[in-house]
Amino acid sequence: MKLNCNNQVFPVILQEDATGGYIVNNPAIDGCYSQGDSIEQALKNIKEATELCLEEITERHEKIKSKNISLHLINLKKEYA
């Protein structure tokens, strides 16, 4: 079953991995994460992982649990920056 997600937008968090490549997760869906050797590959992989997670949620007749996700920047004292 292919799920049509054309109008859904999800936040993703991308981090460079210390051992190389990138780790990416979709915090809107528990357990939805992937990786890639490049940023482009990691983003492609998280799109596929998100689609698979959504298909599984749909097959179980569940809904995505709404989460309040936001990004905040904090200021540190000069000695830590």
Protein backbone atom coordinates (compact mmCIF):
# COMPACT_ATOMS: atom_id res chain seq x y z
CA MET A 1 0.00 0.00 0.00
CA LYS A 2 1.46 3.35 -1.03
CA LEU A 3 0.39 6.26 1.15
CA ASN A 4 -0.10 9.67 -0.44
CA CYS A 5 1.76 12.16 1.75
CA ASN A 6 2.06 15.00 -0.75
CA ASN A 7 0.53 17.61 1.54
CA GLN A 8 2.13 16.63 4.81
CA VAL A 9 5.19 18.43 6.15
CA PHE A 10 7.30 16.98 8.95
CA PRO A 11 10.21 18.47 10.87
CA VAL A 12 13.41 16.44 10.77
CA ILE A 13 16.59 16.76 12.80
CA LEU A 14 19.85 16.12 10.98
CA GLN A 15 23.14 15.64 12.81
CA GLU A 16 26.61 14.87 11.59
CA ASP A 17 27.75 11.53 13.00
CA ALA A 18 31.16 11.41 14.70
CA THR A 19 32.01 8.26 12.75
CA GLY A 20 31.02 9.78 9.41
CA GLY A 21 27.79 10.44 7.58
CA TYR A 22 24.60 11.88 9.01
CA ILE A 23 21.88 10.73 11.37
CA VAL A 24 18.38 12.06 10.87
CA ASN A 25 15.14 11.59 12.78
CA ASN A 26 11.53 12.64 12.46
CA PRO A 27 10.50 13.66 16.00
CA ALA A 28 6.82 13.76 15.00
CA ILE A 29 6.78 9.94 14.72
CA ASP A 30 8.23 7.80 17.50
CA GLY A 31 11.00 5.54 16.23
CA CYS A 32 11.27 7.20 12.82
CA TYR A 33 14.95 7.69 12.03
CA SER A 34 17.50 6.98 9.33
CA GLN A 35 21.01 7.85 8.19
CA GLY A 36 23.05 8.55 5.09
CA ASP A 37 26.58 9.18 3.88
CA SER A 38 25.60 12.70 2.73
CA ILE A 39 22.97 15.21 3.76
CA GLU A 40 21.08 14.56 0.55
CA GLN A 41 21.11 10.78 1.09
CA ALA A 42 20.05 11.14 4.75
CA LEU A 43 17.12 13.37 3.76
CA LYS A 44 16.09 10.95 1.01
CA ASN A 45 16.25 8.08 3.49
CA ILE A 46 14.19 9.87 6.16
CA LYS A 47 11.47 10.58 3.58
CA GLU A 48 11.31 6.85 2.82
CA ALA A 49 11.39 5.97 6.54
CA THR A 50 8.59 8.46 7.23
CA GLU A 51 6.44 6.95 4.47
CA LEU A 52 7.03 3.45 5.87
CA CYS A 53 6.16 4.60 9.40
CA LEU A 54 2.97 6.26 8.13
CA GLU A 55 1.99 3.10 6.24
CA GLU A 56 2.46 1.05 9.40
CA ILE A 57 0.44 3.51 11.48
CA THR A 58 -2.34 3.45 8.88
CA GLU A 59 -2.37 -0.36 8.72
CA ARG A 60 -2.78 -0.49 12.50
CA HIS A 61 -5.66 2.03 12.20
CA GLU A 62 -3.83 4.44 14.46
CA LYS A 63 -3.25 8.16 14.17
CA ILE A 64 -0.07 10.16 14.59
CA LYS A 65 0.02 11.49 18.12
CA SER A 66 0.16 15.26 17.97
CA LYS A 67 3.36 16.66 19.44
CA ASN A 68 4.38 20.22 20.12
CA ILE A 69 7.75 20.48 18.39
CA SER A 70 9.68 23.73 18.33
CA LEU A 71 13.23 24.94 17.89
CA HIS A 72 14.71 27.39 20.34
CA LEU A 73 18.04 29.16 20.42
CA ILE A 74 19.70 29.95 23.73
CA ASN A 75 22.36 32.52 24.54
CA LEU A 76 25.40 31.43 26.53
CA LYS A 77 27.83 33.62 28.39
CA LYS A 78 30.87 34.53 26.35
CA GLU A 79 33.10 32.17 28.38
CA TYR A 80 31.18 29.14 27.05
CA ALA A 81 30.67 30.27 23.48
